[in-house]
């Protein structure tokens, strides 16, 4: 069997609050950005901006497992970047972390109000 060439580049690396090393990589073959630990892929993104937000959220939260990464990815998909463009600094990442923590505690978002502009959290 032919040896497969590795076409991945590490863009960022850091440690979580728990001391777990995480990476943000770009896979040139698949054209995806991935957030990973040394042992497992946590999440994949098409946009470098979404991958950066997920990387920073994972960096600030305790633990680095697939469940937490899937909740963060779900929140990134739920609140698109164009709605968060008016936010400054770390507000988007803080919002992603708050929403992921609410989902971990057993709540789910419910959109209400005119044009679904209000989100309230109800038990899942």
PDB file of N, CA and C in Angstrom:
ATOM      1  N   UNK A   1       0.847  -1.167   0.000  1.00  0.00           N
ATOM      2  CA  UNK A   1       0.000   0.000   0.000  1.00  0.00           C
ATOM      3  C   UNK A   1       0.900   1.240   0.000  1.00  0.00           C
ATOM      4  N   UNK A   2       0.537   2.239  -0.782  1.00  0.00           N
ATOM      5  CA  UNK A   2       1.333   3.460  -0.878  1.00  0.00           C
ATOM      6  C   UNK A   2       1.184   4.287   0.390  1.00  0.00           C
ATOM      7  N   UNK A   3       2.257   4.946   0.747  1.00  0.00           N
ATOM      8  CA  UNK A   3       2.248   5.795   1.935  1.00  0.00           C
ATOM      9  C   UNK A   3       1.519   7.102   1.616  1.00  0.00           C
ATOM     10  N   UNK A   4       0.563   7.469   2.456  1.00  0.00           N
ATOM     11  CA  UNK A   4      -0.222   8.680   2.239  1.00  0.00           C
ATOM     12  C   UNK A   4       0.542   9.887   2.768  1.00  0.00           C
ATOM     13  N   UNK A   5       0.619  10.912   1.954  1.00  0.00           N
ATOM     14  CA  UNK A   5       1.319  12.125   2.351  1.00  0.00           C
ATOM     15  C   UNK A   5       0.419  12.949   3.274  1.00  0.00           C
ATOM     16  N   UNK A   6       0.988  13.486   4.327  1.00  0.00           N
ATOM     17  CA  UNK A   6       0.225  14.285   5.277  1.00  0.00           C
ATOM     18  C   UNK A   6       0.256  15.740   4.822  1.00  0.00           C
ATOM     19  N   UNK A   7      -0.909  16.307   4.601  1.00  0.00           N
ATOM     20  CA  UNK A   7      -1.030  17.691   4.144  1.00  0.00           C
ATOM     21  C   UNK A   7      -1.754  18.528   5.182  1.00  0.00           C
ATOM     22  N   UNK A   8      -1.267  18.504   6.410  1.00  0.00           N
ATOM     23  CA  UNK A   8      -1.907  19.269   7.471  1.00  0.00           C
ATOM     24  C   UNK A   8      -0.916  20.259   8.050  1.00  0.00           C
ATOM     25  N   UNK A   9      -1.445  21.419   8.390  1.00  0.00           N
ATOM     26  CA  UNK A   9      -0.616  22.479   8.931  1.00  0.00           C
ATOM     27  C   UNK A   9      -1.217  22.935  10.255  1.00  0.00           C
ATOM     28  N   UNK A  10      -0.391  23.036  11.278  1.00  0.00           N
ATOM     29  CA  UNK A  10      -0.853  23.526  12.580  1.00  0.00           C
ATOM     30  C   UNK A  10      -0.862  25.049  12.532  1.00  0.00           C
ATOM     31  N   UNK A  11      -2.037  25.628  12.723  1.00  0.00           N
ATOM     32  CA  UNK A  11      -2.181  27.080  12.690  1.00  0.00           C
ATOM     33  C   UNK A  11      -2.051  27.696  14.073  1.00  0.00           C
ATOM     34  N   UNK A  12      -2.634  27.040  15.073  1.00  0.00           N
ATOM     35  CA  UNK A  12      -2.569  27.537  16.454  1.00  0.00           C
ATOM     36  C   UNK A  12      -2.474  26.356  17.396  1.00  0.00           C
ATOM     37  N   UNK A  13      -1.844  26.582  18.531  1.00  0.00           N
ATOM     38  CA  UNK A  13      -1.836  25.571  19.584  1.00  0.00           C
ATOM     39  C   UNK A  13      -1.826  26.280  20.924  1.00  0.00           C
ATOM     40  N   UNK A  14      -2.453  25.642  21.901  1.00  0.00           N
ATOM     41  CA  UNK A  14      -2.552  26.231  23.228  1.00  0.00           C
ATOM     42  C   UNK A  14      -2.926  25.141  24.217  1.00  0.00           C
ATOM     43  N   UNK A  15      -3.149  25.540  25.455  1.00  0.00           N
ATOM     44  CA  UNK A  15      -3.575  24.629  26.510  1.00  0.00           C
ATOM     45  C   UNK A  15      -4.921  25.083  27.046  1.00  0.00           C
ATOM     46  N   UNK A  16      -5.765  24.127  27.426  1.00  0.00           N
ATOM     47  CA  UNK A  16      -7.037  24.460  28.061  1.00  0.00           C
ATOM     48  C   UNK A  16      -6.782  24.786  29.528  1.00  0.00           C
ATOM     49  N   UNK A  17      -7.841  25.143  30.239  1.00  0.00           N
ATOM     50  CA  UNK A  17      -7.721  25.421  31.675  1.00  0.00           C
ATOM     51  C   UNK A  17      -7.273  24.184  32.444  1.00  0.00           C
ATOM     52  N   UNK A  18      -7.612  22.997  31.928  1.00  0.00           N
ATOM     53  CA  UNK A  18      -7.237  21.742  32.579  1.00  0.00           C
ATOM     54  C   UNK A  18      -5.846  21.261  32.199  1.00  0.00           C
ATOM     55  N   UNK A  19      -5.162  21.983  31.317  1.00  0.00           N
ATOM     56  CA  UNK A  19      -3.817  21.600  30.920  1.00  0.00           C
ATOM     57  C   UNK A  19      -3.741  20.675  29.720  1.00  0.00           C
ATOM     58  N   UNK A  20      -4.851  20.483  29.015  1.00  0.00           N
ATOM     59  CA  UNK A  20      -4.866  19.634  27.823  1.00  0.00           C
ATOM     60  C   UNK A  20      -4.429  20.474  26.628  1.00  0.00           C
ATOM     61  N   UNK A  21      -3.516  19.951  25.842  1.00  0.00           N
ATOM     62  CA  UNK A  21      -3.028  20.674  24.672  1.00  0.00           C
ATOM     63  C   UNK A  21      -4.022  20.533  23.525  1.00  0.00           C
ATOM     64  N   UNK A  22      -4.404  21.668  22.940  1.00  0.00           N
ATOM     65  CA  UNK A  22      -5.311  21.644  21.794  1.00  0.00           C
ATOM     66  C   UNK A  22      -4.643  22.348  20.611  1.00  0.00           C
ATOM     67  N   UNK A  23      -5.068  21.949  19.423  1.00  0.00           N
ATOM     68  CA  UNK A  23      -4.508  22.480  18.191  1.00  0.00           C
ATOM     69  C   UNK A  23      -5.629  22.912  17.261  1.00  0.00           C
ATOM     70  N   UNK A  24      -5.325  23.894  16.421  1.00  0.00           N
ATOM     71  CA  UNK A  24      -6.183  24.210  15.291  1.00  0.00           C
ATOM     72  C   UNK A  24      -5.344  23.948  14.049  1.00  0.00           C
ATOM     73  N   UNK A  25      -5.814  23.038  13.206  1.00  0.00           N
ATOM     74  CA  UNK A  25      -5.053  22.645  12.027  1.00  0.00           C
ATOM     75  C   UNK A  25      -5.860  22.901  10.762  1.00  0.00           C
ATOM     76  N   UNK A  26      -5.144  22.975   9.655  1.00  0.00           N
ATOM     77  CA  UNK A  26      -5.779  23.080   8.340  1.00  0.00           C
ATOM     78  C   UNK A  26      -5.374  21.866   7.528  1.00  0.00           C
ATOM     79  N   UNK A  27      -6.365  21.143   7.036  1.00  0.00           N
ATOM     80  CA  UNK A  27      -6.125  19.981   6.189  1.00  0.00           C
ATOM     81  C   UNK A  27      -6.291  20.431   4.737  1.00  0.00           C
ATOM     82  N   UNK A  28      -5.168  20.513   4.014  1.00  0.00           N
ATOM     83  CA  UNK A  28      -5.194  21.014   2.639  1.00  0.00           C
ATOM     84  C   UNK A  28      -5.900  20.051   1.694  1.00  0.00           C
ATOM     85  N   UNK A  29      -5.835  18.766   1.993  1.00  0.00           N
ATOM     86  CA  UNK A  29      -6.473  17.776   1.128  1.00  0.00           C
ATOM     87  C   UNK A  29      -7.997  17.867   1.213  1.00  0.00           C
ATOM     88  N   UNK A  30      -8.514  17.928   2.439  1.00  0.00           N
ATOM     89  CA  UNK A  30      -9.964  17.983   2.648  1.00  0.00           C
ATOM     90  C   UNK A  30     -10.500  19.412   2.663  1.00  0.00           C
ATOM     91  N   UNK A  31      -9.603  20.388   2.746  1.00  0.00           N
ATOM     92  CA  UNK A  31      -9.965  21.805   2.803  1.00  0.00           C
ATOM     93  C   UNK A  31     -10.881  22.110   3.983  1.00  0.00           C
ATOM     94  N   UNK A  32     -10.504  21.619   5.164  1.00  0.00           N
ATOM     95  CA  UNK A  32     -11.251  21.895   6.394  1.00  0.00           C
ATOM     96  C   UNK A  32     -10.281  22.326   7.489  1.00  0.00           C
ATOM     97  N   UNK A  33     -10.817  23.100   8.416  1.00  0.00           N
ATOM     98  CA  UNK A  33     -10.078  23.509   9.605  1.00  0.00           C
ATOM     99  C   UNK A  33     -10.566  22.635  10.745  1.00  0.00           C
ATOM    100  N   UNK A  34      -9.629  22.114  11.528  1.00  0.00           N
ATOM    101  CA  UNK A  34     -10.002  21.199  12.610  1.00  0.00           C
ATOM    102  C   UNK A  34      -9.463  21.696  13.943  1.00  0.00           C
ATOM    103  N   UNK A  35     -10.247  21.456  14.979  1.00  0.00           N
ATOM    104  CA  UNK A  35      -9.807  21.661  16.353  1.00  0.00           C
ATOM    105  C   UNK A  35      -9.589  20.272  16.918  1.00  0.00           C
ATOM    106  N   UNK A  36      -8.425  20.058  17.533  1.00  0.00           N
ATOM    107  CA  UNK A  36      -8.062  18.706  17.948  1.00  0.00           C
ATOM    108  C   UNK A  36      -7.194  18.733  19.197  1.00  0.00           C
ATOM    109  N   UNK A  37      -7.135  17.578  19.859  1.00  0.00           N
ATOM    110  CA  UNK A  37      -6.126  17.352  20.887  1.00  0.00           C
ATOM    111  C   UNK A  37      -5.022  16.528  20.233  1.00  0.00           C
ATOM    112  N   UNK A  38      -4.102  16.047  21.022  1.00  0.00           N
ATOM    113  CA  UNK A  38      -3.027  15.234  20.461  1.00  0.00           C
ATOM    114  C   UNK A  38      -3.527  13.871  20.000  1.00  0.00           C
ATOM    115  N   UNK A  39      -4.692  13.442  20.507  1.00  0.00           N
ATOM    116  CA  UNK A  39      -5.159  12.093  20.249  1.00  0.00           C
ATOM    117  C   UNK A  39      -6.419  12.006  19.407  1.00  0.00           C
ATOM    118  N   UNK A  40      -7.219  13.062  19.374  1.00  0.00           N
ATOM    119  CA  UNK A  40      -8.532  12.945  18.730  1.00  0.00           C
ATOM    120  C   UNK A  40      -8.923  14.271  18.058  1.00  0.00           C
ATOM    121  N   UNK A  41      -9.636  14.147  16.903  1.00  0.00           N
ATOM    122  CA  UNK A  41     -10.219  15.321  16.259  1.00  0.00           C
ATOM    123  C   UNK A  41     -11.477  15.686  17.032  1.00  0.00           C
ATOM    124  N   UNK A  42     -11.627  16.947  17.399  1.00  0.00           N
ATOM    125  CA  UNK A  42     -12.804  17.369  18.159  1.00  0.00           C
ATOM    126  C   UNK A  42     -13.914  17.903  17.256  1.00  0.00           C
ATOM    127  N   UNK A  43     -13.569  18.757  16.305  1.00  0.00           N
ATOM    128  CA  UNK A  43     -14.576  19.332  15.408  1.00  0.00           C
ATOM    129  C   UNK A  43     -13.901  19.812  14.136  1.00  0.00           C
ATOM    130  N   UNK A  44     -14.680  19.871  13.061  1.00  0.00           N
ATOM    131  CA  UNK A  44     -14.177  20.356  11.775  1.00  0.00           C
ATOM    132  C   UNK A  44     -15.063  21.492  11.285  1.00  0.00           C
ATOM    133  N   UNK A  45     -14.443  22.479  10.655  1.00  0.00           N
ATOM    134  CA  UNK A  45     -15.156  23.665  10.179  1.00  0.00           C
ATOM    135  C   UNK A  45     -14.697  24.012   8.773  1.00  0.00           C
ATOM    136  N   UNK A  46     -15.607  24.594   7.995  1.00  0.00           N
ATOM    137  CA  UNK A  46     -15.260  25.065   6.655  1.00  0.00           C
ATOM    138  C   UNK A  46     -14.629  26.452   6.696  1.00  0.00           C
ATOM    139  N   UNK A  47     -14.971  27.239   7.708  1.00  0.00           N
ATOM    140  CA  UNK A  47     -14.504  28.620   7.819  1.00  0.00           C
ATOM    141  C   UNK A  47     -13.401  28.734   8.869  1.00  0.00           C
ATOM    142  N   UNK A  48     -12.363  29.473   8.539  1.00  0.00           N
ATOM    143  CA  UNK A  48     -11.284  29.686   9.499  1.00  0.00           C
ATOM    144  C   UNK A  48     -11.780  30.508  10.690  1.00  0.00           C
ATOM    145  N   UNK A  49     -12.745  31.397  10.453  1.00  0.00           N
ATOM    146  CA  UNK A  49     -13.257  32.241  11.537  1.00  0.00           C
ATOM    147  C   UNK A  49     -14.055  31.424  12.549  1.00  0.00           C
ATOM    148  N   UNK A  50     -14.866  30.502  12.073  1.00  0.00           N
ATOM    149  CA  UNK A  50     -15.606  29.631  12.983  1.00  0.00           C
ATOM    150  C   UNK A  50     -14.654  28.719  13.747  1.00  0.00           C
ATOM    151  N   UNK A  51     -13.617  28.237  13.084  1.00  0.00           N
ATOM    152  CA  UNK A  51     -12.628  27.387  13.752  1.00  0.00           C
ATOM    153  C   UNK A  51     -11.884  28.171  14.829  1.00  0.00           C
ATOM    154  N   UNK A  52     -11.572  29.436  14.553  1.00  0.00           N
ATOM    155  CA  UNK A  52     -10.904  30.273  15.562  1.00  0.00           C
ATOM    156  C   UNK A  52     -11.801  30.495  16.772  1.00  0.00           C
ATOM    157  N   UNK A  53     -13.087  30.748  16.528  1.00  0.00           N
ATOM    158  CA  UNK A  53     -14.022  30.931  17.644  1.00  0.00           C
ATOM    159  C   UNK A  53     -14.129  29.659  18.482  1.00  0.00           C
ATOM    160  N   UNK A  54     -14.207  28.519  17.823  1.00  0.00           N
ATOM    161  CA  UNK A  54     -14.293  27.248  18.545  1.00  0.00           C
ATOM    162  C   UNK A  54     -13.002  26.978  19.315  1.00  0.00           C
ATOM    163  N   UNK A  55     -11.870  27.268  18.712  1.00  0.00           N
ATOM    164  CA  UNK A  55     -10.583  27.068  19.377  1.00  0.00           C
ATOM    165  C   UNK A  55     -10.494  27.917  20.641  1.00  0.00           C
ATOM    166  N   UNK A  56     -10.873  29.192  20.540  1.00  0.00           N
ATOM    167  CA  UNK A  56     -10.809  30.079  21.701  1.00  0.00           C
ATOM    168  C   UNK A  56     -11.803  29.668  22.778  1.00  0.00           C
ATOM    169  N   UNK A  57     -12.980  29.205  22.385  1.00  0.00           N
ATOM    170  CA  UNK A  57     -13.958  28.740  23.370  1.00  0.00           C
ATOM    171  C   UNK A  57     -13.447  27.488  24.084  1.00  0.00           C
ATOM    172  N   UNK A  58     -12.873  26.549  23.328  1.00  0.00           N
ATOM    173  CA  UNK A  58     -12.317  25.333  23.943  1.00  0.00           C
ATOM    174  C   UNK A  58     -11.160  25.680  24.871  1.00  0.00           C
ATOM    175  N   UNK A  59     -10.380  26.685  24.474  1.00  0.00           N
ATOM    176  CA  UNK A  59      -9.236  27.110  25.268  1.00  0.00           C
ATOM    177  C   UNK A  59      -9.674  27.653  26.628  1.00  0.00           C
ATOM    178  N   UNK A  60     -10.798  28.356  26.656  1.00  0.00           N
ATOM    179  CA  UNK A  60     -11.263  28.989  27.886  1.00  0.00           C
ATOM    180  C   UNK A  60     -12.136  28.091  28.751  1.00  0.00           C
ATOM    181  N   UNK A  61     -12.674  27.017  28.179  1.00  0.00           N
ATOM    182  CA  UNK A  61     -13.537  26.117  28.942  1.00  0.00           C
ATOM    183  C   UNK A  61     -12.724  24.959  29.494  1.00  0.00           C
ATOM    184  N   UNK A  62     -13.204  24.385  30.560  1.00  0.00           N
ATOM    185  CA  UNK A  62     -12.541  23.226  31.141  1.00  0.00           C
ATOM    186  C   UNK A  62     -12.852  21.972  30.356  1.00  0.00           C
ATOM    187  N   UNK A  63     -11.831  21.194  30.080  1.00  0.00           N
ATOM    188  CA  UNK A  63     -12.023  19.941  29.354  1.00  0.00           C
ATOM    189  C   UNK A  63     -11.930  20.134  27.856  1.00  0.00           C
ATOM    190  N   UNK A  64     -11.621  19.057  27.181  1.00  0.00           N
ATOM    191  CA  UNK A  64     -11.553  19.080  25.714  1.00  0.00           C
ATOM    192  C   UNK A  64     -12.027  17.727  25.220  1.00  0.00           C
ATOM    193  N   UNK A  65     -13.339  17.553  25.126  1.00  0.00           N
ATOM    194  CA  UNK A  65     -13.878  16.290  24.636  1.00  0.00           C
ATOM    195  C   UNK A  65     -14.831  16.550  23.474  1.00  0.00           C
ATOM    196  N   UNK A  66     -15.221  15.496  22.817  1.00  0.00           N
ATOM    197  CA  UNK A  66     -16.058  15.628  21.620  1.00  0.00           C
ATOM    198  C   UNK A  66     -17.438  16.192  21.932  1.00  0.00           C
ATOM    199  N   UNK A  67     -17.985  15.852  23.099  1.00  0.00           N
ATOM    200  CA  UNK A  67     -19.315  16.354  23.454  1.00  0.00           C
ATOM    201  C   UNK A  67     -19.292  17.876  23.592  1.00  0.00           C
ATOM    202  N   UNK A  68     -18.309  18.385  24.299  1.00  0.00           N
ATOM    203  CA  UNK A  68     -18.178  19.832  24.466  1.00  0.00           C
ATOM    204  C   UNK A  68     -17.935  20.508  23.115  1.00  0.00           C
ATOM    205  N   UNK A  69     -17.104  19.904  22.283  1.00  0.00           N
ATOM    206  CA  UNK A  69     -16.838  20.467  20.954  1.00  0.00           C
ATOM    207  C   UNK A  69     -18.097  20.464  20.092  1.00  0.00           C
ATOM    208  N   UNK A  70     -18.920  19.431  20.221  1.00  0.00           N
ATOM    209  CA  UNK A  70     -20.155  19.392  19.426  1.00  0.00           C
ATOM    210  C   UNK A  70     -21.136  20.468  19.890  1.00  0.00           C
ATOM    211  N   UNK A  71     -21.173  20.753  21.192  1.00  0.00           N
ATOM    212  CA  UNK A  71     -22.040  21.826  21.690  1.00  0.00           C
ATOM    213  C   UNK A  71     -21.557  23.186  21.197  1.00  0.00           C
ATOM    214  N   UNK A  72     -20.252  23.386  21.197  1.00  0.00           N
ATOM    215  CA  UNK A  72     -19.694  24.647  20.705  1.00  0.00           C
ATOM    216  C   UNK A  72     -19.984  24.804  19.217  1.00  0.00           C
ATOM    217  N   UNK A  73     -19.821  23.730  18.462  1.00  0.00           N
ATOM    218  CA  UNK A  73     -20.098  23.783  17.024  1.00  0.00           C
ATOM    219  C   UNK A  73     -21.579  24.066  16.765  1.00  0.00           C
ATOM    220  N   UNK A  74     -22.443  23.490  17.574  1.00  0.00           N
ATOM    221  CA  UNK A  74     -23.879  23.728  17.449  1.00  0.00           C
ATOM    222  C   UNK A  74     -24.210  25.202  17.673  1.00  0.00           C
ATOM    223  N   UNK A  75     -23.574  25.815  18.667  1.00  0.00           N
ATOM    224  CA  UNK A  75     -23.817  27.232  18.945  1.00  0.00           C
ATOM    225  C   UNK A  75     -23.253  28.126  17.850  1.00  0.00           C
ATOM    226  N   UNK A  76     -22.123  27.750  17.287  1.00  0.00           N
ATOM    227  CA  UNK A  76     -21.554  28.536  16.186  1.00  0.00           C
ATOM    228  C   UNK A  76     -22.484  28.492  14.982  1.00  0.00           C
ATOM    229  N   UNK A  77     -23.092  27.323  14.731  1.00  0.00           N
ATOM    230  CA  UNK A  77     -24.041  27.215  13.619  1.00  0.00           C
ATOM    231  C   UNK A  77     -25.339  27.958  13.920  1.00  0.00           C
ATOM    232  N   UNK A  78     -25.763  27.961  15.190  1.00  0.00           N
ATOM    233  CA  UNK A  78     -27.036  28.592  15.560  1.00  0.00           C
ATOM    234  C   UNK A  78     -26.966  30.112  15.438  1.00  0.00           C
ATOM    235  N   UNK A  79     -25.853  30.703  15.836  1.00  0.00           N
ATOM    236  CA  UNK A  79     -25.688  32.155  15.760  1.00  0.00           C
ATOM    237  C   UNK A  79     -24.629  32.448  14.700  1.00  0.00           C
ATOM    238  N   UNK A  80     -25.046  32.719  13.475  1.00  0.00           N
ATOM    239  CA  UNK A  80     -24.080  32.960  12.405  1.00  0.00           C
ATOM    240  C   UNK A  80     -23.231  34.196  12.667  1.00  0.00           C
ATOM    241  N   UNK A  81     -22.101  34.239  12.032  1.00  0.00           N
ATOM    242  CA  UNK A  81     -21.153  35.334  12.244  1.00  0.00           C
ATOM    243  C   UNK A  81     -21.740  36.688  11.844  1.00  0.00           C
ATOM    244  N   UNK A  82     -22.572  36.763  10.815  1.00  0.00           N
ATOM    245  CA  UNK A  82     -23.089  38.062  10.379  1.00  0.00           C
ATOM    246  C   UNK A  82     -23.972  38.704  11.438  1.00  0.00           C
ATOM    247  N   UNK A  83     -24.617  37.886  12.290  1.00  0.00           N
ATOM    248  CA  UNK A  83     -25.430  38.456  13.374  1.00  0.00           C
ATOM    249  C   UNK A  83     -24.552  38.919  14.518  1.00  0.00           C
ATOM    250  N   UNK A  84     -23.343  38.399  14.585  1.00  0.00           N
ATOM    251  CA  UNK A  84     -22.442  38.750  15.677  1.00  0.00           C
ATOM    252  C   UNK A  84     -21.390  39.755  15.241  1.00  0.00           C
ATOM    253  N   UNK A  85     -21.512  40.294  14.039  1.00  0.00           N
ATOM    254  CA  UNK A  85     -20.478  41.187  13.520  1.00  0.00           C
ATOM    255  C   UNK A  85     -20.387  42.490  14.302  1.00  0.00           C
ATOM    256  N   UNK A  86     -21.468  42.874  14.960  1.00  0.00           N
ATOM    257  CA  UNK A  86     -21.439  44.115  15.728  1.00  0.00           C
ATOM    258  C   UNK A  86     -20.751  43.940  17.082  1.00  0.00           C
ATOM    259  N   UNK A  87     -20.495  42.689  17.469  1.00  0.00           N
ATOM    260  CA  UNK A  87     -19.849  42.441  18.744  1.00  0.00           C
ATOM    261  C   UNK A  87     -18.371  42.766  18.653  1.00  0.00           C
ATOM    262  N   UNK A  88     -17.822  43.208  19.740  1.00  0.00           N
ATOM    263  CA  UNK A  88     -16.411  43.574  19.771  1.00  0.00           C
ATOM    264  C   UNK A  88     -15.627  42.593  20.626  1.00  0.00           C
ATOM    265  N   UNK A  89     -14.372  42.431  20.294  1.00  0.00           N
ATOM    266  CA  UNK A  89     -13.468  41.631  21.110  1.00  0.00           C
ATOM    267  C   UNK A  89     -13.920  40.202  21.302  1.00  0.00           C
ATOM    268  N   UNK A  90     -14.017  39.803  22.555  1.00  0.00           N
ATOM    269  CA  UNK A  90     -14.325  38.419  22.901  1.00  0.00           C
ATOM    270  C   UNK A  90     -15.812  38.188  23.156  1.00  0.00           C
ATOM    271  N   UNK A  91     -16.671  39.111  22.785  1.00  0.00           N
ATOM    272  CA  UNK A  91     -18.099  38.958  23.077  1.00  0.00           C
ATOM    273  C   UNK A  91     -18.706  37.748  22.381  1.00  0.00           C
ATOM    274  N   UNK A  92     -18.299  37.474  21.139  1.00  0.00           N
ATOM    275  CA  UNK A  92     -18.840  36.303  20.432  1.00  0.00           C
ATOM    276  C   UNK A  92     -18.397  35.021  21.120  1.00  0.00           C
ATOM    277  N   UNK A  93     -17.131  34.954  21.511  1.00  0.00           N
ATOM    278  CA  UNK A  93     -16.627  33.757  22.184  1.00  0.00           C
ATOM    279  C   UNK A  93     -17.303  33.599  23.541  1.00  0.00           C
ATOM    280  N   UNK A  94     -17.482  34.698  24.271  1.00  0.00           N
ATOM    281  CA  UNK A  94     -18.175  34.630  25.560  1.00  0.00           C
ATOM    282  C   UNK A  94     -19.611  34.148  25.392  1.00  0.00           C
ATOM    283  N   UNK A  95     -20.279  34.608  24.355  1.00  0.00           N
ATOM    284  CA  UNK A  95     -21.644  34.160  24.085  1.00  0.00           C
ATOM    285  C   UNK A  95     -21.676  32.671  23.761  1.00  0.00           C
ATOM    286  N   UNK A  96     -20.723  32.200  22.970  1.00  0.00           N
ATOM    287  CA  UNK A  96     -20.649  30.774  22.635  1.00  0.00           C
ATOM    288  C   UNK A  96     -20.427  29.947  23.891  1.00  0.00           C
ATOM    289  N   UNK A  97     -19.542  30.404  24.768  1.00  0.00           N
ATOM    290  CA  UNK A  97     -19.260  29.680  26.013  1.00  0.00           C
ATOM    291  C   UNK A  97     -20.497  29.649  26.906  1.00  0.00           C
ATOM    292  N   UNK A  98     -21.173  30.796  27.067  1.00  0.00           N
ATOM    293  CA  UNK A  98     -22.382  30.845  27.898  1.00  0.00           C
ATOM    294  C   UNK A  98     -23.455  29.890  27.380  1.00  0.00           C
ATOM    295  N   UNK A  99     -23.662  29.890  26.076  1.00  0.00           N
ATOM    296  CA  UNK A  99     -24.683  29.017  25.489  1.00  0.00           C
ATOM    297  C   UNK A  99     -24.305  27.545  25.622  1.00  0.00           C
ATOM    298  N   UNK A 100     -23.036  27.220  25.443  1.00  0.00           N
ATOM    299  CA  UNK A 100     -22.591  25.828  25.589  1.00  0.00           C
ATOM    300  C   UNK A 100     -22.752  25.361  27.034  1.00  0.00           C
ATOM    301  N   UNK A 101     -22.466  26.236  27.992  1.00  0.00           N
ATOM    302  CA  UNK A 101     -22.647  25.873  29.401  1.00  0.00           C
ATOM    303  C   UNK A 101     -24.123  25.670  29.735  1.00  0.00           C
ATOM    304  N   UNK A 102     -24.994  26.478  29.147  1.00  0.00           N
ATOM    305  CA  UNK A 102     -26.431  26.289  29.363  1.00  0.00           C
ATOM    306  C   UNK A 102     -26.895  24.955  28.793  1.00  0.00           C
ATOM    307  N   UNK A 103     -26.375  24.597  27.619  1.00  0.00           N
ATOM    308  CA  UNK A 103     -26.728  23.295  27.037  1.00  0.00           C
ATOM    309  C   UNK A 103     -26.198  22.152  27.898  1.00  0.00           C
ATOM    310  N   UNK A 104     -25.005  22.315  28.466  1.00  0.00           N
ATOM    311  CA  UNK A 104     -24.457  21.282  29.353  1.00  0.00           C
ATOM    312  C   UNK A 104     -25.311  21.104  30.598  1.00  0.00           C
ATOM    313  N   UNK A 105     -25.948  22.193  31.063  1.00  0.00           N
ATOM    314  CA  UNK A 105     -26.779  22.110  32.264  1.00  0.00           C
ATOM    315  C   UNK A 105     -28.188  21.605  31.971  1.00  0.00           C
ATOM    316  N   UNK A 106     -28.476  21.255  30.711  1.00  0.00           N
ATOM    317  CA  UNK A 106     -29.764  20.645  30.388  1.00  0.00           C
ATOM    318  C   UNK A 106     -30.804  21.582  29.818  1.00  0.00           C
ATOM    319  N   UNK A 107     -30.404  22.755  29.376  1.00  0.00           N
ATOM    320  CA  UNK A 107     -31.343  23.700  28.783  1.00  0.00           C
ATOM    321  C   UNK A 107     -31.191  23.702  27.267  1.00  0.00           C
ATOM    322  N   UNK A 108     -32.229  24.174  26.592  1.00  0.00           N
ATOM    323  CA  UNK A 108     -32.153  24.334  25.139  1.00  0.00           C
ATOM    324  C   UNK A 108     -32.749  25.688  24.775  1.00  0.00           C
ATOM    325  N   UNK A 109     -32.278  26.285  23.679  1.00  0.00           N
ATOM    326  CA  UNK A 109     -32.791  27.609  23.310  1.00  0.00           C
ATOM    327  C   UNK A 109     -34.139  27.516  22.608  1.00  0.00           C
ATOM    328  N   UNK A 110     -34.974  28.509  22.876  1.00  0.00           N
ATOM    329  CA  UNK A 110     -36.247  28.632  22.179  1.00  0.00           C
ATOM    330  C   UNK A 110     -36.333  30.061  21.653  1.00  0.00           C
ATOM    331  N   UNK A 111     -36.451  30.187  20.345  1.00  0.00           N
ATOM    332  CA  UNK A 111     -36.552  31.509  19.727  1.00  0.00           C
ATOM    333  C   UNK A 111     -37.983  32.001  19.831  1.00  0.00           C
ATOM    334  N   UNK A 112     -38.142  33.248  20.203  1.00  0.00           N
ATOM    335  CA  UNK A 112     -39.466  33.837  20.311  1.00  0.00           C
ATOM    336  C   UNK A 112     -39.353  35.326  20.005  1.00  0.00           C
ATOM    337  N   UNK A 113     -40.459  36.006  20.046  1.00  0.00           N
ATOM    338  CA  UNK A 113     -40.446  37.426  19.730  1.00  0.00           C
ATOM    339  C   UNK A 113     -40.556  37.651  18.236  1.00  0.00           C
ATOM    340  N   UNK A 114     -40.617  38.888  17.872  1.00  0.00           N
ATOM    341  CA  UNK A 114     -40.736  39.240  16.457  1.00  0.00           C
ATOM    342  C   UNK A 114     -39.440  38.895  15.738  1.00  0.00           C
ATOM    343  N   UNK A 115     -39.544  38.174  14.655  1.00  0.00           N
ATOM    344  CA  UNK A 115     -38.412  37.737  13.839  1.00  0.00           C
ATOM    345  C   UNK A 115     -37.436  36.860  14.620  1.00  0.00           C
ATOM    346  N   UNK A 116     -37.910  36.205  15.651  1.00  0.00           N
ATOM    347  CA  UNK A 116     -37.089  35.311  16.483  1.00  0.00           C
ATOM    348  C   UNK A 116     -35.865  36.020  17.030  1.00  0.00           C
ATOM    349  N   UNK A 117     -36.053  37.267  17.426  1.00  0.00           N
ATOM    350  CA  UNK A 117     -34.926  38.059  17.904  1.00  0.00           C
ATOM    351  C   UNK A 117     -34.633  37.838  19.381  1.00  0.00           C
ATOM    352  N   UNK A 118     -35.537  37.160  20.087  1.00  0.00           N
ATOM    353  CA  UNK A 118     -35.356  36.896  21.512  1.00  0.00           C
ATOM    354  C   UNK A 118     -35.162  35.397  21.704  1.00  0.00           C
ATOM    355  N   UNK A 119     -34.201  35.039  22.518  1.00  0.00           N
ATOM    356  CA  UNK A 119     -33.947  33.625  22.810  1.00  0.00           C
ATOM    357  C   UNK A 119     -34.104  33.421  24.302  1.00  0.00           C
ATOM    358  N   UNK A 120     -34.949  32.461  24.656  1.00  0.00           N
ATOM    359  CA  UNK A 120     -35.052  32.100  26.068  1.00  0.00           C
ATOM    360  C   UNK A 120     -34.642  30.642  26.197  1.00  0.00           C
ATOM    361  N   UNK A 121     -34.172  30.285  27.351  1.00  0.00           N
ATOM    362  CA  UNK A 121     -33.655  28.933  27.579  1.00  0.00           C
ATOM    363  C   UNK A 121     -34.648  28.162  28.421  1.00  0.00           C
ATOM    364  N   UNK A 122     -35.087  27.015  27.909  1.00  0.00           N
ATOM    365  CA  UNK A 122     -36.073  26.185  28.590  1.00  0.00           C
ATOM    366  C   UNK A 122     -35.473  24.803  28.837  1.00  0.00           C
ATOM    367  N   UNK A 123     -36.027  24.053  29.795  1.00  0.00           N
ATOM    368  CA  UNK A 123     -35.503  22.696  30.033  1.00  0.00           C
ATOM    369  C   UNK A 123     -35.659  21.815  28.797  1.00  0.00           C
ATOM    370  N   UNK A 124     -34.658  21.014  28.537  1.00  0.00           N
ATOM    371  CA  UNK A 124     -34.671  20.154  27.337  1.00  0.00           C
ATOM    372  C   UNK A 124     -35.619  18.994  27.492  1.00  0.00           C
TER     373      UNK A 124
END
